[in-house]
Amino acid sequence: MEYCSENSYSYVALRKSPEFKKNYMKQFSFLIAITTLLFISTCVHAQTSNYDSTLAKKLNADDYGMKSYVLVILKKGSATITDKKQVDSIFHGHMANIQRLASEGKLVLAGPMGDNDKNYEGIFVFNTASVDEARQWLSTDPAIQSKDLDAELYSWYCTAALQEIPALHKQVQKKSY
């Protein structure tokens, strides 16, 4: 017992000394710095070691893994269509057009928006850097043709991997329109 309490007292006294605290903090700070550098180094290495030049080329990615698209914000149009058959026809045509454009690789993302005070109805992301080309593709949509929807088009820079979303979507989609 004496041995234990004597050593315990010495250790406690040592821990309370300013010199011990100073050395301990230096060692602890050094350990934290080394651990942080190793973590950052591992993260950077992991990010660069996954680079797939074949996929980057297929997706037309720049050195940052990005590319230009056209973002479309669909808004409530100027038409007031009240006939249910016409509304249903326009909606089904709109959905069929979305599926066609996606299967052609022209549309990489589409979806509706929730209620909002700006009359935004949904978004499209077209796989082109050309706003004019996107406008041509958009003109094939029955909801645009009928003026049930209107659109704002913007150049948009985003990950080239966005083009992989339609293929992934097919893997998780249980139902379709």
N, C-alpha and C. Protein backbone atom coordinates (compact mmCIF):
# COMPACT_ATOMS: atom_id res chain seq x y z
N MET A 1 0.82 -1.19 0.00
CA MET A 1 0.00 0.00 0.00
C MET A 1 0.87 1.26 0.00
N GLU A 2 1.89 1.25 0.82
CA GLU A 2 2.76 2.41 0.88
C GLU A 2 3.34 2.73 -0.48
N TYR A 3 3.73 1.69 -1.18
CA TYR A 3 4.34 1.88 -2.49
C TYR A 3 3.39 2.60 -3.44
N CYS A 4 2.17 2.15 -3.41
CA CYS A 4 1.15 2.72 -4.30
C CYS A 4 0.86 4.17 -3.93
N SER A 5 0.65 4.44 -2.70
CA SER A 5 0.29 5.80 -2.31
C SER A 5 1.47 6.75 -2.48
N GLU A 6 2.67 6.27 -2.23
CA GLU A 6 3.85 7.13 -2.41
C GLU A 6 4.01 7.50 -3.89
N ASN A 7 3.88 6.52 -4.78
CA ASN A 7 3.99 6.79 -6.22
C ASN A 7 2.83 7.64 -6.71
N SER A 8 1.67 7.37 -6.17
CA SER A 8 0.50 8.15 -6.56
C SER A 8 0.69 9.61 -6.19
N TYR A 9 1.22 9.84 -4.97
CA TYR A 9 1.45 11.20 -4.53
C TYR A 9 2.46 11.89 -5.44
N SER A 10 3.53 11.21 -5.78
CA SER A 10 4.56 11.78 -6.64
C SER A 10 3.98 12.14 -8.01
N TYR A 11 3.19 11.24 -8.54
CA TYR A 11 2.60 11.48 -9.86
C TYR A 11 1.63 12.66 -9.82
N VAL A 12 0.82 12.73 -8.79
CA VAL A 12 -0.13 13.84 -8.64
C VAL A 12 0.61 15.15 -8.48
N ALA A 13 1.65 15.14 -7.67
CA ALA A 13 2.45 16.37 -7.47
C ALA A 13 3.10 16.79 -8.78
N LEU A 14 3.60 15.82 -9.52
CA LEU A 14 4.23 16.12 -10.80
C LEU A 14 3.21 16.72 -11.78
N ARG A 15 2.02 16.12 -11.86
CA ARG A 15 0.98 16.60 -12.78
C ARG A 15 0.56 18.03 -12.47
N LYS A 16 0.64 18.41 -11.19
CA LYS A 16 0.21 19.75 -10.80
C LYS A 16 1.28 20.80 -11.04
N SER A 17 2.48 20.37 -11.33
CA SER A 17 3.57 21.34 -11.51
C SER A 17 3.39 22.09 -12.83
N PRO A 18 3.72 23.41 -12.85
CA PRO A 18 3.60 24.21 -14.07
C PRO A 18 4.48 23.67 -15.20
N GLU A 19 5.63 23.14 -14.85
CA GLU A 19 6.54 22.62 -15.88
C GLU A 19 5.91 21.41 -16.59
N PHE A 20 5.31 20.52 -15.80
CA PHE A 20 4.66 19.35 -16.37
C PHE A 20 3.53 19.77 -17.31
N LYS A 21 2.71 20.70 -16.85
CA LYS A 21 1.58 21.17 -17.66
C LYS A 21 2.06 21.77 -18.97
N LYS A 22 3.13 22.56 -18.87
CA LYS A 22 3.67 23.22 -20.06
C LYS A 22 4.18 22.16 -21.06
N ASN A 23 4.96 21.19 -20.57
CA ASN A 23 5.49 20.14 -21.44
C ASN A 23 4.36 19.26 -22.00
N TYR A 24 3.41 18.96 -21.14
CA TYR A 24 2.27 18.14 -21.56
C TYR A 24 1.49 18.82 -22.69
N MET A 25 1.24 20.12 -22.54
CA MET A 25 0.49 20.87 -23.55
C MET A 25 1.26 20.93 -24.87
N LYS A 26 2.59 21.10 -24.77
CA LYS A 26 3.40 21.11 -25.99
C LYS A 26 3.30 19.76 -26.70
N GLN A 27 3.46 18.68 -25.94
CA GLN A 27 3.39 17.35 -26.53
C GLN A 27 1.99 17.08 -27.09
N PHE A 28 0.98 17.46 -26.34
CA PHE A 28 -0.40 17.24 -26.79
C PHE A 28 -0.69 18.06 -28.06
N SER A 29 -0.26 19.30 -28.09
CA SER A 29 -0.45 20.15 -29.27
C SER A 29 0.27 19.58 -30.47
N PHE A 30 1.50 19.09 -30.25
CA PHE A 30 2.26 18.48 -31.34
C PHE A 30 1.54 17.24 -31.86
N LEU A 31 1.03 16.42 -30.96
CA LEU A 31 0.30 15.22 -31.34
C LEU A 31 -0.96 15.57 -32.14
N ILE A 32 -1.69 16.56 -31.72
CA ILE A 32 -2.90 17.00 -32.45
C ILE A 32 -2.52 17.51 -33.83
N ALA A 33 -1.45 18.30 -33.91
CA ALA A 33 -1.01 18.84 -35.20
C ALA A 33 -0.63 17.71 -36.15
N ILE A 34 0.13 16.74 -35.68
CA ILE A 34 0.54 15.61 -36.52
C ILE A 34 -0.68 14.81 -36.96
N THR A 35 -1.59 14.54 -36.04
CA THR A 35 -2.81 13.79 -36.36
C THR A 35 -3.62 14.53 -37.41
N THR A 36 -3.77 15.83 -37.27
CA THR A 36 -4.52 16.64 -38.23
C THR A 36 -3.86 16.60 -39.61
N LEU A 37 -2.54 16.75 -39.64
CA LEU A 37 -1.82 16.69 -40.92
C LEU A 37 -1.97 15.33 -41.58
N LEU A 38 -1.88 14.27 -40.81
CA LEU A 38 -2.07 12.92 -41.37
C LEU A 38 -3.48 12.74 -41.91
N PHE A 39 -4.47 13.25 -41.18
CA PHE A 39 -5.86 13.16 -41.63
C PHE A 39 -6.06 13.92 -42.94
N ILE A 40 -5.56 15.14 -43.00
CA ILE A 40 -5.69 15.95 -44.22
C ILE A 40 -4.96 15.28 -45.37
N SER A 41 -3.77 14.78 -45.12
CA SER A 41 -3.00 14.10 -46.15
C SER A 41 -3.76 12.89 -46.69
N THR A 42 -4.38 12.13 -45.80
CA THR A 42 -5.15 10.96 -46.20
C THR A 42 -6.35 11.37 -47.04
N CYS A 43 -7.03 12.43 -46.62
CA CYS A 43 -8.20 12.90 -47.36
C CYS A 43 -7.81 13.38 -48.76
N VAL A 44 -6.75 14.15 -48.86
CA VAL A 44 -6.29 14.66 -50.15
C VAL A 44 -5.89 13.49 -51.05
N HIS A 45 -5.15 12.54 -50.49
CA HIS A 45 -4.74 11.38 -51.27
C HIS A 45 -5.95 10.59 -51.73
N ALA A 46 -6.94 10.41 -50.85
CA ALA A 46 -8.14 9.66 -51.21
C ALA A 46 -8.90 10.36 -52.33
N GLN A 47 -8.94 11.69 -52.27
CA GLN A 47 -9.66 12.43 -53.31
C GLN A 47 -8.97 12.30 -54.66
N THR A 48 -7.67 12.38 -54.70
CA THR A 48 -6.96 12.34 -55.98
C THR A 48 -6.75 10.92 -56.46
N SER A 49 -6.72 9.94 -55.57
CA SER A 49 -6.45 8.58 -56.01
C SER A 49 -7.66 7.92 -56.65
N ASN A 50 -8.84 8.49 -56.52
CA ASN A 50 -10.04 7.92 -57.14
C ASN A 50 -10.28 8.45 -58.54
N TYR A 51 -9.41 9.31 -59.03
CA TYR A 51 -9.60 9.92 -60.34
C TYR A 51 -9.65 8.85 -61.42
N ASP A 52 -10.67 8.94 -62.27
CA ASP A 52 -10.86 7.99 -63.37
C ASP A 52 -10.83 8.79 -64.67
N SER A 53 -9.71 8.78 -65.36
CA SER A 53 -9.55 9.59 -66.57
C SER A 53 -10.51 9.16 -67.68
N THR A 54 -10.82 7.89 -67.75
CA THR A 54 -11.76 7.40 -68.77
C THR A 54 -13.15 7.97 -68.53
N LEU A 55 -13.60 7.92 -67.28
CA LEU A 55 -14.92 8.47 -66.95
C LEU A 55 -14.94 9.98 -67.14
N ALA A 56 -13.87 10.66 -66.72
CA ALA A 56 -13.80 12.11 -66.88
C ALA A 56 -13.91 12.49 -68.36
N LYS A 57 -13.24 11.75 -69.21
CA LYS A 57 -13.30 12.03 -70.65
C LYS A 57 -14.71 11.74 -71.19
N LYS A 58 -15.30 10.62 -70.78
CA LYS A 58 -16.66 10.26 -71.22
C LYS A 58 -17.67 11.35 -70.84
N LEU A 59 -17.50 11.92 -69.65
CA LEU A 59 -18.43 12.94 -69.16
C LEU A 59 -18.05 14.35 -69.57
N ASN A 60 -16.95 14.48 -70.31
CA ASN A 60 -16.48 15.78 -70.78
C ASN A 60 -16.17 16.72 -69.60
N ALA A 61 -15.57 16.15 -68.57
CA ALA A 61 -15.25 16.92 -67.37
C ALA A 61 -13.97 17.72 -67.57
N ASP A 62 -13.93 18.89 -66.96
CA ASP A 62 -12.69 19.66 -66.96
C ASP A 62 -11.79 19.11 -65.84
N ASP A 63 -10.67 19.77 -65.59
CA ASP A 63 -9.72 19.28 -64.58
C ASP A 63 -10.30 19.28 -63.17
N TYR A 64 -11.37 20.00 -62.94
CA TYR A 64 -12.01 20.04 -61.63
C TYR A 64 -13.16 19.05 -61.53
N GLY A 65 -13.40 18.29 -62.61
CA GLY A 65 -14.50 17.33 -62.62
C GLY A 65 -15.84 18.01 -62.87
N MET A 66 -15.79 19.20 -63.45
CA MET A 66 -16.99 20.01 -63.67
C MET A 66 -17.24 20.19 -65.16
N LYS A 67 -18.44 20.69 -65.49
CA LYS A 67 -18.75 21.08 -66.85
C LYS A 67 -19.93 22.05 -66.84
N SER A 68 -20.21 22.63 -67.99
CA SER A 68 -21.30 23.60 -68.09
C SER A 68 -22.58 22.91 -68.54
N TYR A 69 -23.68 23.36 -67.97
CA TYR A 69 -25.02 22.89 -68.29
C TYR A 69 -25.89 24.12 -68.50
N VAL A 70 -27.16 23.87 -68.79
CA VAL A 70 -28.16 24.94 -68.77
C VAL A 70 -29.22 24.56 -67.74
N LEU A 71 -29.39 25.44 -66.77
CA LEU A 71 -30.39 25.27 -65.72
C LEU A 71 -31.65 26.00 -66.16
N VAL A 72 -32.79 25.31 -66.10
CA VAL A 72 -34.06 25.90 -66.48
C VAL A 72 -34.97 25.94 -65.26
N ILE A 73 -35.49 27.12 -64.98
CA ILE A 73 -36.51 27.24 -63.94
C ILE A 73 -37.84 27.36 -64.65
N LEU A 74 -38.70 26.38 -64.41
CA LEU A 74 -40.03 26.38 -65.00
C LEU A 74 -40.97 27.15 -64.09
N LYS A 75 -41.72 28.09 -64.69
CA LYS A 75 -42.64 28.94 -63.93
C LYS A 75 -44.05 28.77 -64.48
N LYS A 76 -45.01 29.13 -63.68
CA LYS A 76 -46.40 29.12 -64.14
C LYS A 76 -46.48 30.01 -65.36
N GLY A 77 -47.09 29.49 -66.41
CA GLY A 77 -47.19 30.24 -67.66
C GLY A 77 -48.37 31.20 -67.68
N SER A 78 -48.54 31.84 -68.81
CA SER A 78 -49.59 32.85 -68.96
C SER A 78 -50.95 32.25 -69.28
N ALA A 79 -50.98 31.00 -69.72
CA ALA A 79 -52.26 30.38 -70.09
C ALA A 79 -53.06 29.99 -68.85
N THR A 80 -54.37 30.11 -68.98
CA THR A 80 -55.26 29.64 -67.93
C THR A 80 -56.08 28.51 -68.55
N ILE A 81 -55.67 27.31 -68.31
CA ILE A 81 -56.33 26.14 -68.90
C ILE A 81 -57.18 25.49 -67.83
N THR A 82 -58.47 25.42 -68.09
CA THR A 82 -59.39 24.87 -67.09
C THR A 82 -59.96 23.51 -67.49
N ASP A 83 -59.90 23.18 -68.77
CA ASP A 83 -60.43 21.91 -69.24
C ASP A 83 -59.54 20.77 -68.72
N LYS A 84 -60.16 19.87 -67.92
CA LYS A 84 -59.39 18.80 -67.29
C LYS A 84 -58.73 17.88 -68.31
N LYS A 85 -59.41 17.55 -69.39
CA LYS A 85 -58.82 16.68 -70.41
C LYS A 85 -57.59 17.34 -71.04
N GLN A 86 -57.69 18.62 -71.29
CA GLN A 86 -56.54 19.34 -71.87
C GLN A 86 -55.38 19.41 -70.89
N VAL A 87 -55.67 19.68 -69.63
CA VAL A 87 -54.63 19.72 -68.59
C VAL A 87 -53.94 18.36 -68.47
N ASP A 88 -54.75 17.28 -68.45
CA ASP A 88 -54.19 15.93 -68.37
C ASP A 88 -53.34 15.61 -69.60
N SER A 89 -53.79 16.01 -70.75
CA SER A 89 -53.05 15.77 -71.99
C SER A 89 -51.70 16.51 -71.98
N ILE A 90 -51.74 17.75 -71.54
CA ILE A 90 -50.51 18.55 -71.47
C ILE A 90 -49.54 17.90 -70.46
N PHE A 91 -50.06 17.50 -69.30
CA PHE A 91 -49.21 16.90 -68.27
C PHE A 91 -48.58 15.60 -68.78
N HIS A 92 -49.38 14.74 -69.40
CA HIS A 92 -48.84 13.48 -69.91
C HIS A 92 -47.81 13.73 -71.02
N GLY A 93 -48.07 14.71 -71.86
CA GLY A 93 -47.11 15.08 -72.90
C GLY A 93 -45.82 15.64 -72.31
N HIS A 94 -45.96 16.43 -71.25
CA HIS A 94 -44.82 17.00 -70.54
C HIS A 94 -43.96 15.87 -69.96
N MET A 95 -44.59 14.91 -69.30
CA MET A 95 -43.86 13.79 -68.70
C MET A 95 -43.20 12.91 -69.78
N ALA A 96 -43.91 12.66 -70.88
CA ALA A 96 -43.34 11.87 -71.97
C ALA A 96 -42.15 12.58 -72.59
N ASN A 97 -42.24 13.89 -72.71
CA ASN A 97 -41.13 14.68 -73.25
C ASN A 97 -39.92 14.63 -72.33
N ILE A 98 -40.16 14.70 -71.04
CA ILE A 98 -39.07 14.58 -70.07
C ILE A 98 -38.36 13.24 -70.24
N GLN A 99 -39.14 12.18 -70.33
CA GLN A 99 -38.55 10.84 -70.48
C GLN A 99 -37.78 10.72 -71.80
N ARG A 100 -38.31 11.28 -72.86
CA ARG A 100 -37.63 11.22 -74.16
C ARG A 100 -36.30 11.98 -74.11
N LEU A 101 -36.33 13.21 -73.59
CA LEU A 101 -35.11 14.02 -73.50
C LEU A 101 -34.06 13.35 -72.60
N ALA A 102 -34.52 12.73 -71.52
CA ALA A 102 -33.59 12.03 -70.62
C ALA A 102 -32.99 10.82 -71.32
N SER A 103 -33.79 10.07 -72.05
CA SER A 103 -33.27 8.87 -72.73
C SER A 103 -32.29 9.24 -73.85
N GLU A 104 -32.42 10.44 -74.40
CA GLU A 104 -31.50 10.93 -75.43
C GLU A 104 -30.24 11.55 -74.83
N GLY A 105 -30.18 11.63 -73.50
CA GLY A 105 -29.01 12.20 -72.83
C GLY A 105 -29.00 13.72 -72.83
N LYS A 106 -30.10 14.33 -73.20
CA LYS A 106 -30.18 15.79 -73.25
C LYS A 106 -30.60 16.40 -71.91
N LEU A 107 -31.41 15.68 -71.16
CA LEU A 107 -31.92 16.16 -69.88
C LEU A 107 -31.32 15.29 -68.77
N VAL A 108 -30.58 15.90 -67.87
CA VAL A 108 -29.93 15.12 -66.82
C VAL A 108 -30.65 15.21 -65.48
N LEU A 109 -31.52 16.19 -65.33
CA LEU A 109 -32.20 16.35 -64.06
C LEU A 109 -33.51 17.09 -64.30
N ALA A 110 -34.56 16.64 -63.65
CA ALA A 110 -35.86 17.30 -63.75
C ALA A 110 -36.65 17.01 -62.49
N GLY A 111 -37.43 17.98 -62.06
CA GLY A 111 -38.27 17.74 -60.90
C GLY A 111 -39.11 18.94 -60.55
N PRO A 112 -40.23 18.68 -59.88
CA PRO A 112 -41.13 19.78 -59.47
C PRO A 112 -40.62 20.48 -58.22
N MET A 113 -41.10 21.70 -58.04
CA MET A 113 -40.80 22.45 -56.81
C MET A 113 -42.04 22.46 -55.94
N GLY A 114 -41.83 22.65 -54.67
CA GLY A 114 -42.94 22.80 -53.75
C GLY A 114 -43.58 24.18 -53.89
N ASP A 115 -44.65 24.39 -53.16
CA ASP A 115 -45.33 25.69 -53.19
C ASP A 115 -44.35 26.80 -52.84
N ASN A 116 -44.46 27.91 -53.59
CA ASN A 116 -43.59 29.06 -53.34
C ASN A 116 -44.27 30.32 -53.85
N ASP A 117 -43.78 31.46 -53.42
CA ASP A 117 -44.40 32.73 -53.79
C ASP A 117 -43.89 33.29 -55.12
N LYS A 118 -43.03 32.56 -55.82
CA LYS A 118 -42.47 33.03 -57.09
C LYS A 118 -43.11 32.34 -58.30
N ASN A 119 -44.08 31.48 -58.05
CA ASN A 119 -44.76 30.71 -59.11
C ASN A 119 -43.80 29.76 -59.85
N TYR A 120 -42.74 29.34 -59.17
CA TYR A 120 -41.84 28.35 -59.75
C TYR A 120 -42.52 26.99 -59.67
N GLU A 121 -42.47 26.26 -60.77
CA GLU A 121 -43.12 24.96 -60.85
C GLU A 121 -42.13 23.80 -60.83
N GLY A 122 -40.93 24.01 -61.39
CA GLY A 122 -39.96 22.92 -61.43
C GLY A 122 -38.65 23.36 -62.05
N ILE A 123 -37.73 22.39 -62.17
CA ILE A 123 -36.44 22.69 -62.79
C ILE A 123 -36.08 21.60 -63.79
N PHE A 124 -35.30 21.98 -64.78
CA PHE A 124 -34.63 21.08 -65.70
C PHE A 124 -33.15 21.45 -65.67
N VAL A 125 -32.30 20.45 -65.89
CA VAL A 125 -30.89 20.72 -66.17
C VAL A 125 -30.59 20.01 -67.48
N PHE A 126 -30.26 20.81 -68.50
CA PHE A 126 -29.94 20.27 -69.81
C PHE A 126 -28.44 20.05 -69.95
N ASN A 127 -28.11 18.97 -70.64
CA ASN A 127 -26.72 18.56 -70.85
C ASN A 127 -26.13 19.27 -72.07
N THR A 128 -26.06 20.57 -71.97
CA THR A 128 -25.46 21.40 -73.00
C THR A 128 -24.98 22.69 -72.35
N ALA A 129 -23.97 23.29 -72.94
CA ALA A 129 -23.52 24.60 -72.47
C ALA A 129 -24.24 25.72 -73.21
N SER A 130 -24.99 25.36 -74.26
CA SER A 130 -25.64 26.35 -75.12
C SER A 130 -27.08 26.61 -74.68
N VAL A 131 -27.33 27.85 -74.29
CA VAL A 131 -28.69 28.25 -73.92
C VAL A 131 -29.61 28.13 -75.13
N ASP A 132 -29.12 28.46 -76.32
CA ASP A 132 -29.95 28.35 -77.53
C ASP A 132 -30.35 26.91 -77.80
N GLU A 133 -29.41 25.99 -77.65
CA GLU A 133 -29.73 24.58 -77.87
C GLU A 133 -30.74 24.09 -76.83
N ALA A 134 -30.56 24.49 -75.59
CA ALA A 134 -31.51 24.12 -74.53
C ALA A 134 -32.89 24.69 -74.83
N ARG A 135 -32.93 25.90 -75.34
CA ARG A 135 -34.22 26.52 -75.70
C ARG A 135 -34.92 25.70 -76.78
N GLN A 136 -34.16 25.18 -77.75
CA GLN A 136 -34.74 24.32 -78.80
C GLN A 136 -35.31 23.04 -78.19
N TRP A 137 -34.56 22.41 -77.31
CA TRP A 137 -35.04 21.19 -76.66
C TRP A 137 -36.28 21.47 -75.82
N LEU A 138 -36.27 22.59 -75.15
CA LEU A 138 -37.39 22.99 -74.30
C LEU A 138 -38.65 23.24 -75.13
N SER A 139 -38.49 23.72 -76.34
CA SER A 139 -39.64 24.04 -77.19
C SER A 139 -40.44 22.80 -77.61
N THR A 140 -39.89 21.61 -77.37
CA THR A 140 -40.61 20.38 -77.70
C THR A 140 -41.58 19.97 -76.58
N ASP A 141 -41.58 20.69 -75.48
CA ASP A 141 -42.42 20.34 -74.33
C ASP A 141 -43.83 20.90 -74.51
N PRO A 142 -44.87 20.04 -74.46
CA PRO A 142 -46.25 20.51 -74.62
C PRO A 142 -46.66 21.57 -73.58
N ALA A 143 -46.10 21.51 -72.38
CA ALA A 143 -46.45 22.51 -71.35
C ALA A 143 -45.88 23.88 -71.71
N ILE A 144 -44.73 23.91 -72.38
CA ILE A 144 -44.16 25.18 -72.86
C ILE A 144 -44.94 25.65 -74.08
N GLN A 145 -45.22 24.74 -74.99
CA GLN A 145 -45.95 25.09 -76.21
C GLN A 145 -47.32 25.68 -75.90
N SER A 146 -48.00 25.13 -74.90
CA SER A 146 -49.34 25.59 -74.54
C SER A 146 -49.32 26.82 -73.64
N LYS A 147 -48.14 27.25 -73.24
CA LYS A 147 -47.94 28.36 -72.31
C LYS A 147 -48.47 28.08 -70.91
N ASP A 148 -48.68 26.78 -70.62
CA ASP A 148 -49.03 26.39 -69.26
C ASP A 148 -47.81 26.62 -68.36
N LEU A 149 -46.61 26.45 -68.95
CA LEU A 149 -45.36 26.75 -68.26
C LEU A 149 -44.55 27.74 -69.08
N ASP A 150 -43.80 28.56 -68.38
CA ASP A 150 -42.84 29.46 -68.99
C ASP A 150 -41.48 29.07 -68.40
N ALA A 151 -40.39 29.57 -68.98
CA ALA A 151 -39.07 29.13 -68.51
C ALA A 151 -38.07 30.26 -68.48
N GLU A 152 -37.19 30.19 -67.49
CA GLU A 152 -36.00 31.03 -67.41
C GLU A 152 -34.81 30.11 -67.59
N LEU A 153 -33.87 30.47 -68.47
CA LEU A 153 -32.71 29.64 -68.75
C LEU A 153 -31.43 30.33 -68.30
N TYR A 154 -30.55 29.54 -67.66
CA TYR A 154 -29.30 30.08 -67.13
C TYR A 154 -28.15 29.12 -67.42
N SER A 155 -26.99 29.66 -67.74
CA SER A 155 -25.79 28.84 -67.81
C SER A 155 -25.47 28.41 -66.38
N TRP A 156 -25.03 27.16 -66.23
CA TRP A 156 -24.77 26.63 -64.90
C TRP A 156 -23.57 25.71 -64.93
N TYR A 157 -22.65 25.87 -64.00
CA TYR A 157 -21.42 25.09 -63.90
C TYR A 157 -21.55 24.14 -62.71
N CYS A 158 -21.42 22.84 -62.98
CA CYS A 158 -21.67 21.85 -61.93
C CYS A 158 -20.83 20.61 -62.18
N THR A 159 -20.87 19.67 -61.28
CA THR A 159 -20.12 18.44 -61.45
C THR A 159 -20.53 17.70 -62.73
N ALA A 160 -19.55 17.20 -63.46
CA ALA A 160 -19.82 16.43 -64.67
C ALA A 160 -20.52 15.12 -64.32
N ALA A 161 -20.35 14.66 -63.09
CA ALA A 161 -20.98 13.41 -62.64
C ALA A 161 -22.50 13.51 -62.59
N LEU A 162 -23.04 14.71 -62.67
CA LEU A 162 -24.49 14.89 -62.69
C LEU A 162 -25.12 14.09 -63.82
N GLN A 163 -24.38 13.87 -64.90
CA GLN A 163 -24.89 13.12 -66.04
C GLN A 163 -25.17 11.65 -65.70
N GLU A 164 -24.64 11.19 -64.60
CA GLU A 164 -24.85 9.80 -64.19
C GLU A 164 -26.17 9.62 -63.43
N ILE A 165 -26.84 10.71 -63.08
CA ILE A 165 -28.08 10.64 -62.30
C ILE A 165 -29.18 9.85 -63.02
N PRO A 166 -29.44 10.06 -64.32
CA PRO A 166 -30.53 9.29 -64.95
C PRO A 166 -30.33 7.77 -64.85
N ALA A 167 -29.11 7.28 -65.02
CA ALA A 167 -28.86 5.84 -64.91
C ALA A 167 -29.09 5.37 -63.47
N LEU A 168 -28.65 6.17 -62.50
CA LEU A 168 -28.88 5.82 -61.11
C LEU A 168 -30.37 5.84 -60.77
N HIS A 169 -31.07 6.81 -61.33
CA HIS A 169 -32.51 6.93 -61.08
C HIS A 169 -33.25 5.67 -61.52
N LYS A 170 -32.86 5.12 -62.65
CA LYS A 170 -33.51 3.89 -63.14
C LYS A 170 -33.35 2.74 -62.14
N GLN A 171 -32.28 2.77 -61.38
CA GLN A 171 -32.03 1.71 -60.41
C GLN A 171 -32.87 1.84 -59.15
N VAL A 172 -33.39 3.03 -58.89
CA VAL A 172 -34.19 3.23 -57.68
C VAL A 172 -35.65 3.52 -57.98
N GLN A 173 -36.00 3.70 -59.23
CA GLN A 173 -37.38 4.03 -59.63
C GLN A 173 -38.24 2.77 -59.66
N LYS A 174 -39.29 2.77 -58.87
CA LYS A 174 -40.20 1.63 -58.84
C LYS A 174 -41.38 1.83 -59.79
N LYS A 175 -41.82 3.08 -59.92
CA LYS A 175 -42.99 3.42 -60.76
C LYS A 175 -42.58 4.55 -61.70
N SER A 176 -43.33 4.70 -62.78
CA SER A 176 -43.11 5.84 -63.67
C SER A 176 -44.46 6.39 -64.13
N TYR A 177 -44.42 7.57 -64.72
CA TYR A 177 -45.65 8.20 -65.19
C TYR A 177 -46.07 7.63 -66.50
